[in-house]
N, C-alpha and C. Protein backbone atom coordinates (compact mmCIF):
# COMPACT_ATOMS: atom_id res chain seq x y z
N MET A 1 -15.79 -3.81 36.68
CA MET A 1 -16.74 -4.52 35.83
C MET A 1 -17.47 -3.55 34.91
N THR A 2 -17.88 -2.41 35.48
CA THR A 2 -18.60 -1.42 34.69
C THR A 2 -17.73 -0.90 33.56
N ARG A 3 -16.44 -0.65 33.86
CA ARG A 3 -15.53 -0.17 32.82
C ARG A 3 -15.38 -1.18 31.70
N CYS A 4 -15.32 -2.45 32.07
CA CYS A 4 -15.19 -3.51 31.07
C CYS A 4 -16.40 -3.55 30.16
N VAL A 5 -17.58 -3.51 30.73
CA VAL A 5 -18.81 -3.54 29.94
C VAL A 5 -18.91 -2.29 29.08
N ARG A 6 -18.60 -1.13 29.67
CA ARG A 6 -18.65 0.13 28.94
C ARG A 6 -17.67 0.10 27.76
N GLY A 7 -16.47 -0.40 28.01
CA GLY A 7 -15.46 -0.48 26.95
C GLY A 7 -15.89 -1.42 25.83
N PHE A 8 -16.45 -2.56 26.23
CA PHE A 8 -16.92 -3.52 25.23
C PHE A 8 -18.04 -2.92 24.39
N CYS A 9 -19.01 -2.28 25.03
CA CYS A 9 -20.15 -1.70 24.31
C CYS A 9 -19.70 -0.56 23.41
N ALA A 10 -18.79 0.27 23.91
CA ALA A 10 -18.29 1.37 23.09
C ALA A 10 -17.53 0.82 21.89
N GLY A 11 -16.76 -0.22 22.10
CA GLY A 11 -16.05 -0.85 20.98
C GLY A 11 -16.99 -1.45 19.96
N ALA A 12 -18.06 -2.09 20.45
CA ALA A 12 -19.05 -2.69 19.55
C ALA A 12 -19.75 -1.62 18.73
N VAL A 13 -20.12 -0.53 19.38
CA VAL A 13 -20.78 0.57 18.67
C VAL A 13 -19.84 1.14 17.62
N GLY A 14 -18.61 1.37 18.00
CA GLY A 14 -17.63 1.92 17.06
C GLY A 14 -17.38 0.99 15.88
N THR A 15 -17.22 -0.28 16.15
CA THR A 15 -16.98 -1.25 15.09
C THR A 15 -18.15 -1.35 14.14
N LEU A 16 -19.36 -1.43 14.67
CA LEU A 16 -20.54 -1.49 13.81
C LEU A 16 -20.70 -0.23 12.98
N ALA A 17 -20.43 0.91 13.60
CA ALA A 17 -20.53 2.18 12.87
C ALA A 17 -19.51 2.24 11.74
N LEU A 18 -18.27 1.88 12.03
CA LEU A 18 -17.23 1.89 10.98
C LEU A 18 -17.54 0.91 9.87
N LEU A 19 -18.03 -0.27 10.23
CA LEU A 19 -18.39 -1.27 9.23
C LEU A 19 -19.51 -0.76 8.34
N THR A 20 -20.51 -0.15 8.93
CA THR A 20 -21.62 0.39 8.15
C THR A 20 -21.15 1.51 7.24
N ILE A 21 -20.33 2.42 7.75
CA ILE A 21 -19.81 3.52 6.94
C ILE A 21 -18.95 2.97 5.80
N ALA A 22 -18.10 1.99 6.09
CA ALA A 22 -17.25 1.41 5.04
C ALA A 22 -18.08 0.78 3.93
N MET A 23 -19.14 0.07 4.30
CA MET A 23 -19.99 -0.56 3.28
C MET A 23 -20.72 0.48 2.43
N VAL A 24 -21.18 1.56 3.07
CA VAL A 24 -21.87 2.61 2.32
C VAL A 24 -20.90 3.28 1.36
N VAL A 25 -19.69 3.58 1.81
CA VAL A 25 -18.70 4.21 0.95
C VAL A 25 -18.31 3.28 -0.19
N MET A 26 -18.05 2.01 0.12
CA MET A 26 -17.66 1.06 -0.93
C MET A 26 -18.78 0.89 -1.94
N SER A 27 -20.01 0.83 -1.48
CA SER A 27 -21.15 0.67 -2.40
C SER A 27 -21.29 1.89 -3.29
N SER A 28 -21.07 3.07 -2.74
CA SER A 28 -21.23 4.28 -3.54
C SER A 28 -20.12 4.43 -4.58
N LEU A 29 -18.96 3.83 -4.31
CA LEU A 29 -17.86 3.91 -5.26
C LEU A 29 -17.87 2.77 -6.27
N SER A 30 -18.80 1.86 -6.14
CA SER A 30 -18.86 0.71 -7.05
C SER A 30 -19.07 1.15 -8.47
N GLN A 31 -18.45 0.43 -9.38
CA GLN A 31 -18.65 0.68 -10.79
C GLN A 31 -19.77 -0.22 -11.27
N HIS A 32 -19.80 -0.50 -12.55
CA HIS A 32 -20.86 -1.30 -13.14
C HIS A 32 -20.66 -2.80 -12.94
N HIS A 33 -19.62 -3.22 -12.24
CA HIS A 33 -19.39 -4.64 -12.01
C HIS A 33 -20.18 -5.11 -10.80
N ASP A 34 -20.03 -6.38 -10.46
CA ASP A 34 -20.74 -6.95 -9.33
C ASP A 34 -20.06 -6.69 -8.00
N GLY A 35 -18.89 -6.08 -8.01
CA GLY A 35 -18.14 -5.93 -6.78
C GLY A 35 -18.26 -4.56 -6.16
N LEU A 36 -17.48 -4.37 -5.11
CA LEU A 36 -17.43 -3.11 -4.39
C LEU A 36 -16.05 -2.52 -4.55
N ARG A 37 -15.94 -1.20 -4.63
CA ARG A 37 -14.65 -0.54 -4.71
C ARG A 37 -14.11 -0.40 -3.29
N GLY A 38 -12.85 -0.70 -3.12
CA GLY A 38 -12.23 -0.54 -1.81
C GLY A 38 -10.93 -1.29 -1.73
N PHE A 39 -10.12 -0.96 -0.74
CA PHE A 39 -8.84 -1.63 -0.50
C PHE A 39 -7.91 -1.52 -1.71
N GLY A 40 -8.02 -0.45 -2.49
CA GLY A 40 -7.15 -0.24 -3.63
C GLY A 40 -7.54 -1.02 -4.87
N GLY A 41 -8.70 -1.59 -4.92
CA GLY A 41 -9.16 -2.34 -6.09
C GLY A 41 -10.64 -2.59 -5.99
N GLU A 42 -11.09 -3.61 -6.70
CA GLU A 42 -12.49 -3.98 -6.64
C GLU A 42 -12.62 -5.26 -5.83
N VAL A 43 -13.54 -5.27 -4.90
CA VAL A 43 -13.73 -6.41 -3.99
C VAL A 43 -14.87 -7.25 -4.53
N LEU A 44 -14.59 -8.53 -4.78
CA LEU A 44 -15.59 -9.46 -5.29
C LEU A 44 -15.80 -10.59 -4.29
N ILE A 45 -17.01 -11.10 -4.24
CA ILE A 45 -17.34 -12.21 -3.36
C ILE A 45 -17.19 -13.51 -4.15
N VAL A 46 -16.45 -14.47 -3.61
CA VAL A 46 -16.26 -15.76 -4.27
C VAL A 46 -17.48 -16.62 -4.00
N ARG A 47 -18.14 -17.07 -5.07
CA ARG A 47 -19.38 -17.82 -4.93
C ARG A 47 -19.25 -19.28 -5.34
N SER A 48 -18.04 -19.71 -5.72
CA SER A 48 -17.85 -21.13 -6.06
C SER A 48 -16.47 -21.56 -5.59
N GLY A 49 -16.24 -22.85 -5.59
CA GLY A 49 -14.96 -23.39 -5.15
C GLY A 49 -14.03 -23.72 -6.29
N SER A 50 -14.26 -23.15 -7.47
CA SER A 50 -13.46 -23.53 -8.64
C SER A 50 -11.99 -23.13 -8.52
N MET A 51 -11.66 -22.19 -7.66
CA MET A 51 -10.26 -21.77 -7.52
C MET A 51 -9.63 -22.25 -6.21
N SER A 52 -10.26 -23.18 -5.54
CA SER A 52 -9.72 -23.72 -4.30
C SER A 52 -8.42 -24.47 -4.62
N PRO A 53 -7.40 -24.38 -3.88
CA PRO A 53 -7.22 -23.78 -2.57
C PRO A 53 -6.72 -22.33 -2.61
N THR A 54 -6.55 -21.74 -3.78
CA THR A 54 -6.08 -20.36 -3.85
C THR A 54 -7.02 -19.44 -3.10
N PHE A 55 -8.31 -19.57 -3.35
CA PHE A 55 -9.34 -18.94 -2.53
C PHE A 55 -10.57 -19.81 -2.59
N ASP A 56 -11.40 -19.70 -1.55
CA ASP A 56 -12.53 -20.60 -1.36
C ASP A 56 -13.86 -19.85 -1.41
N THR A 57 -14.92 -20.61 -1.52
CA THR A 57 -16.27 -20.05 -1.44
C THR A 57 -16.39 -19.27 -0.14
N GLY A 58 -16.93 -18.05 -0.23
CA GLY A 58 -17.09 -17.22 0.95
C GLY A 58 -15.96 -16.25 1.19
N ASP A 59 -14.86 -16.41 0.48
CA ASP A 59 -13.78 -15.43 0.59
C ASP A 59 -14.15 -14.19 -0.22
N ALA A 60 -13.49 -13.11 0.04
CA ALA A 60 -13.59 -11.92 -0.80
C ALA A 60 -12.23 -11.77 -1.47
N VAL A 61 -12.22 -11.46 -2.75
CA VAL A 61 -10.96 -11.25 -3.46
C VAL A 61 -10.90 -9.81 -3.93
N ILE A 62 -9.71 -9.27 -3.90
CA ILE A 62 -9.49 -7.91 -4.37
C ILE A 62 -8.77 -8.01 -5.71
N ILE A 63 -9.39 -7.42 -6.73
CA ILE A 63 -8.78 -7.42 -8.05
C ILE A 63 -8.36 -6.00 -8.41
N ARG A 64 -7.26 -5.91 -9.15
CA ARG A 64 -6.79 -4.62 -9.64
C ARG A 64 -7.29 -4.45 -11.06
N PRO A 65 -8.11 -3.42 -11.30
CA PRO A 65 -8.62 -3.21 -12.66
C PRO A 65 -7.48 -2.93 -13.63
N ILE A 66 -7.62 -3.45 -14.86
CA ILE A 66 -6.61 -3.21 -15.89
C ILE A 66 -7.31 -2.81 -17.19
N SER A 67 -6.55 -2.18 -18.06
CA SER A 67 -7.08 -1.77 -19.37
C SER A 67 -6.98 -2.94 -20.35
N GLU A 68 -7.62 -2.77 -21.50
CA GLU A 68 -7.55 -3.82 -22.52
C GLU A 68 -6.12 -3.97 -23.03
N ASN A 69 -5.38 -2.87 -23.13
CA ASN A 69 -3.98 -2.95 -23.57
C ASN A 69 -3.14 -3.77 -22.60
N GLU A 70 -3.36 -3.54 -21.29
CA GLU A 70 -2.63 -4.32 -20.29
C GLU A 70 -3.03 -5.79 -20.37
N ALA A 71 -4.29 -6.04 -20.65
CA ALA A 71 -4.79 -7.42 -20.70
C ALA A 71 -4.12 -8.21 -21.83
N THR A 72 -3.77 -7.55 -22.92
CA THR A 72 -3.15 -8.27 -24.04
C THR A 72 -1.75 -8.78 -23.69
N THR A 73 -1.14 -8.22 -22.66
CA THR A 73 0.22 -8.63 -22.28
C THR A 73 0.25 -9.68 -21.18
N LEU A 74 -0.91 -10.11 -20.70
CA LEU A 74 -0.95 -11.08 -19.61
C LEU A 74 -0.36 -12.42 -20.03
N GLU A 75 0.29 -13.06 -19.09
CA GLU A 75 0.95 -14.34 -19.35
C GLU A 75 0.23 -15.47 -18.62
N PRO A 76 0.40 -16.71 -19.07
CA PRO A 76 -0.15 -17.85 -18.34
C PRO A 76 0.36 -17.86 -16.90
N GLY A 77 -0.52 -18.27 -16.02
CA GLY A 77 -0.20 -18.29 -14.60
C GLY A 77 -0.89 -17.17 -13.83
N ARG A 78 -1.24 -16.08 -14.51
CA ARG A 78 -1.93 -14.96 -13.85
C ARG A 78 -3.39 -15.32 -13.61
N ILE A 79 -3.92 -14.87 -12.49
CA ILE A 79 -5.33 -15.06 -12.19
C ILE A 79 -6.04 -13.78 -12.61
N VAL A 80 -7.06 -13.93 -13.45
CA VAL A 80 -7.78 -12.77 -13.99
C VAL A 80 -9.27 -12.89 -13.73
N THR A 81 -9.93 -11.75 -13.70
CA THR A 81 -11.38 -11.70 -13.61
C THR A 81 -11.89 -11.18 -14.93
N PHE A 82 -12.88 -11.88 -15.49
CA PHE A 82 -13.37 -11.52 -16.81
C PHE A 82 -14.88 -11.72 -16.90
N HIS A 83 -15.46 -11.03 -17.86
CA HIS A 83 -16.88 -11.22 -18.18
C HIS A 83 -17.01 -12.44 -19.07
N THR A 84 -18.04 -13.23 -18.85
CA THR A 84 -18.33 -14.33 -19.76
C THR A 84 -18.96 -13.74 -21.02
N ASP A 85 -19.16 -14.57 -22.03
CA ASP A 85 -19.71 -14.08 -23.30
C ASP A 85 -21.08 -13.45 -23.15
N ASP A 86 -21.87 -13.91 -22.18
CA ASP A 86 -23.19 -13.31 -21.98
C ASP A 86 -23.10 -11.96 -21.27
N ASN A 87 -21.88 -11.59 -20.82
CA ASN A 87 -21.60 -10.31 -20.17
C ASN A 87 -22.34 -10.12 -18.85
N ALA A 88 -22.98 -11.16 -18.35
CA ALA A 88 -23.75 -11.05 -17.11
C ALA A 88 -23.00 -11.61 -15.91
N THR A 89 -22.00 -12.42 -16.14
CA THR A 89 -21.31 -13.12 -15.07
C THR A 89 -19.83 -12.76 -15.06
N LEU A 90 -19.29 -12.58 -13.86
CA LEU A 90 -17.85 -12.40 -13.70
C LEU A 90 -17.26 -13.72 -13.22
N VAL A 91 -16.13 -14.08 -13.79
CA VAL A 91 -15.42 -15.31 -13.43
C VAL A 91 -13.98 -14.94 -13.11
N THR A 92 -13.43 -15.55 -12.08
CA THR A 92 -12.02 -15.35 -11.73
C THR A 92 -11.33 -16.70 -11.82
N HIS A 93 -10.51 -16.86 -12.86
CA HIS A 93 -9.77 -18.11 -13.11
C HIS A 93 -8.35 -17.78 -13.53
N ARG A 94 -7.53 -18.81 -13.58
CA ARG A 94 -6.12 -18.68 -13.95
C ARG A 94 -5.95 -18.85 -15.47
N ILE A 95 -5.11 -18.01 -16.07
CA ILE A 95 -4.77 -18.17 -17.48
C ILE A 95 -3.82 -19.37 -17.59
N VAL A 96 -4.18 -20.33 -18.48
CA VAL A 96 -3.32 -21.50 -18.67
C VAL A 96 -2.66 -21.50 -20.05
N ALA A 97 -3.20 -20.71 -20.98
CA ALA A 97 -2.59 -20.63 -22.32
C ALA A 97 -2.99 -19.32 -22.98
N ARG A 98 -2.12 -18.87 -23.88
CA ARG A 98 -2.39 -17.67 -24.66
C ARG A 98 -2.34 -18.06 -26.12
N ASN A 99 -3.39 -17.70 -26.88
CA ASN A 99 -3.47 -18.09 -28.29
C ASN A 99 -3.68 -16.85 -29.15
N THR A 100 -3.29 -16.98 -30.41
CA THR A 100 -3.59 -15.95 -31.41
C THR A 100 -4.18 -16.68 -32.60
N ASP A 101 -5.39 -16.25 -33.02
CA ASP A 101 -6.03 -16.94 -34.14
C ASP A 101 -5.52 -16.40 -35.49
N ASP A 102 -6.07 -16.90 -36.59
CA ASP A 102 -5.62 -16.54 -37.93
C ASP A 102 -5.77 -15.05 -38.24
N THR A 103 -6.73 -14.41 -37.60
CA THR A 103 -6.96 -12.98 -37.86
C THR A 103 -6.11 -12.09 -36.96
N GLY A 104 -5.31 -12.69 -36.10
CA GLY A 104 -4.44 -11.91 -35.22
C GLY A 104 -5.06 -11.55 -33.89
N ILE A 105 -6.25 -12.05 -33.61
CA ILE A 105 -6.91 -11.75 -32.34
C ILE A 105 -6.35 -12.67 -31.26
N ARG A 106 -5.89 -12.07 -30.17
CA ARG A 106 -5.33 -12.83 -29.06
C ARG A 106 -6.46 -13.25 -28.12
N THR A 107 -6.40 -14.48 -27.64
CA THR A 107 -7.36 -14.98 -26.65
C THR A 107 -6.60 -15.74 -25.57
N PHE A 108 -7.28 -15.96 -24.48
CA PHE A 108 -6.71 -16.71 -23.37
C PHE A 108 -7.56 -17.94 -23.12
N ARG A 109 -6.90 -19.01 -22.68
CA ARG A 109 -7.60 -20.19 -22.16
C ARG A 109 -7.44 -20.11 -20.64
N THR A 110 -8.54 -20.30 -19.95
CA THR A 110 -8.53 -20.19 -18.49
C THR A 110 -9.03 -21.48 -17.86
N LYS A 111 -8.72 -21.62 -16.58
CA LYS A 111 -9.13 -22.81 -15.86
C LYS A 111 -9.16 -22.49 -14.36
N GLY A 112 -10.17 -22.99 -13.68
CA GLY A 112 -10.19 -22.91 -12.23
C GLY A 112 -9.22 -23.92 -11.66
N ASP A 113 -8.48 -23.56 -10.62
CA ASP A 113 -7.48 -24.46 -10.04
C ASP A 113 -8.07 -25.79 -9.61
N ALA A 114 -9.32 -25.80 -9.15
CA ALA A 114 -9.96 -27.03 -8.68
C ALA A 114 -10.69 -27.77 -9.80
N ASN A 115 -10.80 -27.18 -10.97
CA ASN A 115 -11.52 -27.81 -12.08
C ASN A 115 -10.61 -28.78 -12.82
N PRO A 116 -11.15 -29.92 -13.26
CA PRO A 116 -10.32 -30.89 -13.98
C PRO A 116 -10.02 -30.48 -15.42
N ALA A 117 -10.87 -29.64 -16.01
CA ALA A 117 -10.70 -29.29 -17.43
C ALA A 117 -10.61 -27.78 -17.61
N VAL A 118 -10.05 -27.41 -18.75
CA VAL A 118 -9.95 -26.00 -19.14
C VAL A 118 -11.36 -25.49 -19.46
N ASP A 119 -11.60 -24.19 -19.22
CA ASP A 119 -12.90 -23.59 -19.54
C ASP A 119 -13.19 -23.74 -21.03
N THR A 120 -14.46 -23.91 -21.37
CA THR A 120 -14.84 -24.18 -22.76
C THR A 120 -14.69 -22.97 -23.68
N GLN A 121 -14.89 -21.78 -23.14
CA GLN A 121 -14.82 -20.58 -23.99
C GLN A 121 -13.51 -19.85 -23.78
N ALA A 122 -12.93 -19.40 -24.90
CA ALA A 122 -11.73 -18.57 -24.84
C ALA A 122 -12.13 -17.18 -24.37
N VAL A 123 -11.19 -16.51 -23.72
CA VAL A 123 -11.44 -15.17 -23.19
C VAL A 123 -10.66 -14.15 -24.01
N GLU A 124 -11.34 -13.13 -24.48
CA GLU A 124 -10.68 -12.05 -25.21
C GLU A 124 -10.19 -11.00 -24.21
N PRO A 125 -9.09 -10.32 -24.52
CA PRO A 125 -8.58 -9.29 -23.60
C PRO A 125 -9.62 -8.21 -23.27
N ALA A 126 -10.52 -7.91 -24.20
CA ALA A 126 -11.55 -6.89 -23.94
C ALA A 126 -12.49 -7.30 -22.81
N ASN A 127 -12.60 -8.60 -22.54
CA ASN A 127 -13.50 -9.08 -21.48
C ASN A 127 -12.82 -9.14 -20.11
N VAL A 128 -11.50 -8.99 -20.08
CA VAL A 128 -10.76 -9.03 -18.82
C VAL A 128 -10.92 -7.69 -18.12
N ILE A 129 -11.39 -7.72 -16.87
CA ILE A 129 -11.57 -6.46 -16.14
C ILE A 129 -10.51 -6.22 -15.08
N GLY A 130 -9.78 -7.28 -14.68
CA GLY A 130 -8.76 -7.08 -13.66
C GLY A 130 -7.96 -8.32 -13.37
N VAL A 131 -6.89 -8.12 -12.59
CA VAL A 131 -6.04 -9.23 -12.16
C VAL A 131 -6.16 -9.38 -10.65
N TYR A 132 -6.04 -10.61 -10.21
CA TYR A 132 -6.17 -10.96 -8.80
C TYR A 132 -5.04 -10.32 -8.00
N GLY A 133 -5.42 -9.73 -6.86
CA GLY A 133 -4.44 -9.12 -5.98
C GLY A 133 -4.27 -9.92 -4.70
N THR A 134 -5.33 -10.04 -3.92
CA THR A 134 -5.27 -10.76 -2.65
C THR A 134 -6.66 -11.24 -2.27
N ARG A 135 -6.72 -12.00 -1.20
CA ARG A 135 -8.01 -12.50 -0.73
C ARG A 135 -8.21 -12.10 0.72
N LEU A 136 -9.46 -11.98 1.09
CA LEU A 136 -9.84 -11.72 2.48
C LEU A 136 -10.64 -12.95 2.91
N PRO A 137 -10.01 -13.88 3.65
CA PRO A 137 -10.68 -15.13 3.99
C PRO A 137 -12.02 -14.91 4.70
N ARG A 138 -13.05 -15.56 4.20
CA ARG A 138 -14.41 -15.57 4.75
C ARG A 138 -15.09 -14.19 4.78
N ALA A 139 -14.45 -13.15 4.31
CA ALA A 139 -15.05 -11.81 4.33
C ALA A 139 -16.20 -11.69 3.34
N GLY A 140 -16.25 -12.56 2.35
CA GLY A 140 -17.33 -12.53 1.38
C GLY A 140 -18.69 -12.80 2.02
N TYR A 141 -18.71 -13.66 3.03
CA TYR A 141 -19.96 -13.94 3.72
C TYR A 141 -20.50 -12.66 4.38
N LEU A 142 -19.61 -11.92 5.01
CA LEU A 142 -20.01 -10.67 5.65
C LEU A 142 -20.47 -9.65 4.62
N LEU A 143 -19.71 -9.49 3.55
CA LEU A 143 -20.08 -8.53 2.50
C LEU A 143 -21.42 -8.90 1.87
N PHE A 144 -21.64 -10.18 1.65
CA PHE A 144 -22.90 -10.63 1.07
C PHE A 144 -24.06 -10.30 2.01
N ALA A 145 -23.86 -10.56 3.29
CA ALA A 145 -24.91 -10.29 4.28
C ALA A 145 -25.20 -8.79 4.37
N LEU A 146 -24.15 -7.97 4.28
CA LEU A 146 -24.34 -6.53 4.39
C LEU A 146 -25.08 -5.94 3.19
N GLN A 147 -25.13 -6.66 2.10
CA GLN A 147 -25.84 -6.18 0.92
C GLN A 147 -27.34 -6.43 1.02
N ARG A 148 -27.76 -7.10 2.04
CA ARG A 148 -29.18 -7.43 2.22
C ARG A 148 -29.87 -6.35 3.04
N PRO A 149 -31.05 -5.87 2.60
CA PRO A 149 -31.75 -4.79 3.33
C PRO A 149 -32.11 -5.16 4.77
N ARG A 150 -32.50 -6.41 5.00
CA ARG A 150 -32.87 -6.80 6.37
C ARG A 150 -31.71 -6.66 7.33
N LEU A 151 -30.52 -6.95 6.83
CA LEU A 151 -29.36 -6.85 7.71
C LEU A 151 -29.11 -5.41 8.12
N GLY A 152 -29.42 -4.47 7.25
CA GLY A 152 -29.28 -3.06 7.61
C GLY A 152 -30.15 -2.71 8.80
N ILE A 153 -31.35 -3.23 8.82
CA ILE A 153 -32.26 -3.00 9.94
C ILE A 153 -31.70 -3.65 11.20
N VAL A 154 -31.20 -4.88 11.06
CA VAL A 154 -30.61 -5.58 12.21
C VAL A 154 -29.41 -4.80 12.75
N LEU A 155 -28.55 -4.30 11.85
CA LEU A 155 -27.39 -3.53 12.29
C LEU A 155 -27.82 -2.25 13.00
N LEU A 156 -28.83 -1.59 12.47
CA LEU A 156 -29.33 -0.38 13.11
C LEU A 156 -29.85 -0.69 14.51
N CYS A 157 -30.62 -1.76 14.64
CA CYS A 157 -31.11 -2.17 15.96
C CYS A 157 -29.96 -2.52 16.89
N ALA A 158 -28.94 -3.22 16.35
CA ALA A 158 -27.78 -3.58 17.16
C ALA A 158 -27.04 -2.33 17.63
N LEU A 159 -26.90 -1.34 16.75
CA LEU A 159 -26.26 -0.09 17.15
C LEU A 159 -27.05 0.60 18.26
N LEU A 160 -28.36 0.64 18.11
CA LEU A 160 -29.20 1.28 19.12
C LEU A 160 -29.12 0.54 20.45
N LEU A 161 -29.17 -0.79 20.42
CA LEU A 161 -29.07 -1.58 21.65
C LEU A 161 -27.70 -1.41 22.31
N ALA A 162 -26.65 -1.39 21.50
CA ALA A 162 -25.31 -1.21 22.05
C ALA A 162 -25.18 0.18 22.67
N HIS A 163 -25.75 1.19 22.01
CA HIS A 163 -25.72 2.54 22.57
C HIS A 163 -26.50 2.59 23.89
N LEU A 164 -27.64 1.92 23.92
CA LEU A 164 -28.43 1.85 25.15
C LEU A 164 -27.64 1.17 26.26
N ALA A 165 -26.92 0.11 25.91
CA ALA A 165 -26.10 -0.60 26.91
C ALA A 165 -25.00 0.32 27.45
N VAL A 166 -24.40 1.12 26.58
CA VAL A 166 -23.37 2.07 27.05
C VAL A 166 -23.99 3.07 28.00
N LEU A 167 -25.16 3.59 27.65
CA LEU A 167 -25.83 4.55 28.53
C LEU A 167 -26.17 3.92 29.88
N MET A 168 -26.61 2.68 29.87
CA MET A 168 -26.99 2.00 31.11
C MET A 168 -25.78 1.78 32.01
N THR A 169 -24.60 1.59 31.47
CA THR A 169 -23.42 1.36 32.30
C THR A 169 -22.95 2.63 32.97
N ARG A 170 -23.44 3.77 32.50
CA ARG A 170 -23.05 5.04 33.11
C ARG A 170 -23.84 5.33 34.39
N VAL A 171 -24.94 4.65 34.59
CA VAL A 171 -25.73 4.81 35.81
C VAL A 171 -25.03 4.02 36.91
N PRO A 172 -24.71 4.68 38.03
CA PRO A 172 -24.00 3.94 39.09
C PRO A 172 -24.87 2.82 39.65
N ILE A 173 -24.26 1.70 39.85
CA ILE A 173 -24.94 0.54 40.42
C ILE A 173 -24.58 0.48 41.89
N THR A 174 -25.59 0.50 42.71
CA THR A 174 -25.34 0.44 44.16
C THR A 174 -25.60 -0.98 44.65
N THR A 175 -24.78 -1.39 45.57
CA THR A 175 -24.94 -2.73 46.14
C THR A 175 -25.91 -2.66 47.31
N THR A 176 -26.32 -3.79 47.80
CA THR A 176 -27.24 -3.86 48.94
C THR A 176 -26.59 -3.24 50.16
N GLN A 177 -25.31 -3.46 50.36
CA GLN A 177 -24.60 -2.90 51.51
C GLN A 177 -24.60 -1.38 51.42
N GLN A 178 -24.36 -0.83 50.22
CA GLN A 178 -24.37 0.62 50.06
C GLN A 178 -25.76 1.19 50.34
N GLN A 179 -26.80 0.49 49.93
CA GLN A 179 -28.16 0.95 50.18
C GLN A 179 -28.46 0.96 51.67
N GLU A 180 -28.01 -0.08 52.38
CA GLU A 180 -28.23 -0.15 53.83
C GLU A 180 -27.50 0.97 54.55
N GLU A 181 -26.27 1.28 54.09
CA GLU A 181 -25.50 2.35 54.71
C GLU A 181 -26.17 3.70 54.50
N GLU A 182 -26.76 3.88 53.31
CA GLU A 182 -27.43 5.14 53.02
C GLU A 182 -28.69 5.31 53.88
N MET A 183 -29.36 4.23 54.25
CA MET A 183 -30.58 4.29 55.04
C MET A 183 -30.29 4.61 56.51
N THR A 184 -29.09 4.29 56.97
CA THR A 184 -28.79 4.53 58.38
C THR A 184 -28.13 5.84 58.63
């Protein structure tokens, strides 16, 4: 029983420590976008259901950053992440059409898979920051929580409590029978 508890506590401490280290490293490698660098791309938290069922609210998506030149060659069907015109919001939607206006400027029409209509604003290749790679189901909830200062305190307390639990399991537990034998 003691080995089981010790193993569980050691695993919990290790997991929490690795998770904390991973978040610190990913945060420090973040660029100017809203996401975190890691897993070979940029990790973004999905905050709406516009792309359901491809990915859902609370998922984390990994996008591969691309250059403006690469963005000009994108075809309909690709899922891209782009800045909106106000440059404050990132959106990840599917390209449904590619257009070229009279001046030769290429733009994309995008749409969320769950949305009934195409997005109102065309997207220029300069606003595209990456293409969709994969999703981490429900991991966005964890990443969002880890970005909160209070959770850092909770994690620190959890690490300390788990460490204390490991230390406590190292103290031999004597049974009543063993105590009686020692007294005689």
